[in-house]
Amino acid sequence: MKIEIHTSFGRDAKKLPESVQKELKEIYEAIEYAQSLDDLSYSVKKMEGNKKLKAFRLRLSEHSDYRIGFYLEADTVVLSRVLSRKDIYKKFPPKK
């Protein structure tokens, strides 16, 4: 799949611990080589909110408190936010 990265994702990622940043790189590669979201071995769920956007969240590792918020546009994954579990649901997807 193709991947685009929002600047907000980059800002969020820089603030994370090094171990989480390393896992983000692994996830990036997994998304890149996946044919569809079903091919990913991570927990991916569709999010509610803006009905026009196909918003999803991806849970990092099984015991991680971090989530990636992303959109699916045709065959492109748009990485938008990476935040702690308590913050991702407040800030992603936008309510408008």
Protein backbone atom coordinates (compact mmCIF):
# COMPACT_ATOMS: atom_id res chain seq x y z
CA MET A 1 0.00 0.00 0.00
CA LYS A 2 1.09 3.58 -0.52
CA ILE A 3 1.73 5.72 2.56
CA GLU A 4 1.41 9.45 3.18
CA ILE A 5 2.40 11.11 6.44
CA HIS A 6 0.78 14.24 7.88
CA THR A 7 3.04 16.71 9.70
CA SER A 8 1.02 16.11 12.88
CA PHE A 9 2.11 12.45 12.79
CA GLY A 10 5.77 13.49 12.56
CA ARG A 11 5.41 15.92 15.47
CA ASP A 12 3.70 13.27 17.60
CA ALA A 13 6.31 10.62 16.74
CA LYS A 14 9.26 12.83 17.76
CA LYS A 15 7.84 13.09 21.29
CA LEU A 16 7.62 9.31 21.79
CA PRO A 17 10.15 7.05 23.53
CA GLU A 18 12.81 5.49 21.30
CA SER A 19 11.36 1.99 21.69
CA VAL A 20 8.00 3.19 20.36
CA GLN A 21 9.69 5.02 17.48
CA LYS A 22 11.43 1.77 16.54
CA GLU A 23 8.08 -0.02 16.49
CA LEU A 24 6.64 2.74 14.29
CA LYS A 25 9.31 1.96 11.69
CA GLU A 26 8.31 -1.71 11.74
CA ILE A 27 4.65 -0.81 11.34
CA TYR A 28 5.48 1.53 8.45
CA GLU A 29 7.20 -1.34 6.65
CA ALA A 30 4.32 -3.72 7.38
CA ILE A 31 1.80 -1.25 5.93
CA GLU A 32 4.02 -0.66 2.90
CA TYR A 33 4.14 -4.38 2.04
CA ALA A 34 0.48 -5.15 2.89
CA GLN A 35 -2.04 -5.53 0.09
CA SER A 36 -4.93 -4.57 2.40
CA LEU A 37 -5.59 -3.76 6.06
CA ASP A 38 -6.53 -7.41 6.62
CA ASP A 39 -2.92 -8.40 5.88
CA LEU A 40 -1.63 -6.49 8.93
CA SER A 41 -0.91 -8.47 12.09
CA TYR A 42 -1.82 -5.46 14.25
CA SER A 43 -5.18 -4.62 15.79
CA VAL A 44 -6.91 -2.28 13.31
CA LYS A 45 -10.41 -0.92 13.96
CA LYS A 46 -12.62 1.51 12.10
CA MET A 47 -13.37 4.64 14.11
CA GLU A 48 -16.57 6.60 14.39
CA GLY A 49 -16.74 10.31 13.74
CA ASN A 50 -16.66 12.04 10.40
CA LYS A 51 -18.75 9.85 8.07
CA LYS A 52 -17.03 11.15 4.92
CA LEU A 53 -13.60 9.91 6.00
CA LYS A 54 -12.56 6.30 6.41
CA ALA A 55 -10.77 6.70 9.74
CA PHE A 56 -9.04 3.82 11.51
CA ARG A 57 -6.86 3.28 14.52
CA LEU A 58 -4.00 0.82 14.79
CA ARG A 59 -2.82 -0.42 18.17
CA LEU A 60 0.95 -0.72 18.35
CA SER A 61 2.01 -3.81 20.30
CA GLU A 62 -0.31 -5.89 22.44
CA HIS A 63 0.77 -4.17 25.67
CA SER A 64 1.29 -0.69 24.25
CA ASP A 65 -0.69 2.38 25.27
CA TYR A 66 -0.10 4.04 21.89
CA ARG A 67 -2.39 4.13 18.86
CA ILE A 68 -1.91 5.35 15.30
CA GLY A 69 -4.81 7.27 13.77
CA PHE A 70 -4.95 6.99 9.99
CA TYR A 71 -7.22 7.40 6.99
CA LEU A 72 -7.69 5.07 4.06
CA GLU A 73 -8.02 6.84 0.71
CA ALA A 74 -8.30 4.32 -2.14
CA ASP A 75 -5.04 2.31 -1.87
CA THR A 76 -3.22 4.96 0.22
CA VAL A 77 -2.85 4.95 4.00
CA VAL A 78 -2.59 8.48 5.38
CA LEU A 79 -0.89 8.42 8.78
CA SER A 80 -2.35 11.32 10.75
CA ARG A 81 -1.66 10.97 14.49
CA VAL A 82 0.21 8.74 16.92
CA LEU A 83 -0.87 9.34 20.49
CA SER A 84 -1.49 7.59 23.78
CA ARG A 85 -4.72 5.65 24.11
CA LYS A 86 -6.37 8.33 26.25
CA ASP A 87 -5.54 11.11 23.77
CA ILE A 88 -6.15 9.46 20.39
CA TYR A 89 -9.88 9.20 20.96
CA LYS A 90 -10.07 12.91 21.89
CA LYS A 91 -8.09 14.22 18.92
CA PHE A 92 -8.73 11.75 16.10
CA PRO A 93 -10.67 11.76 13.85
CA PRO A 94 -11.69 15.41 13.75
CA LYS A 95 -15.34 15.79 14.73
CA LYS A 96 -16.21 18.00 11.74
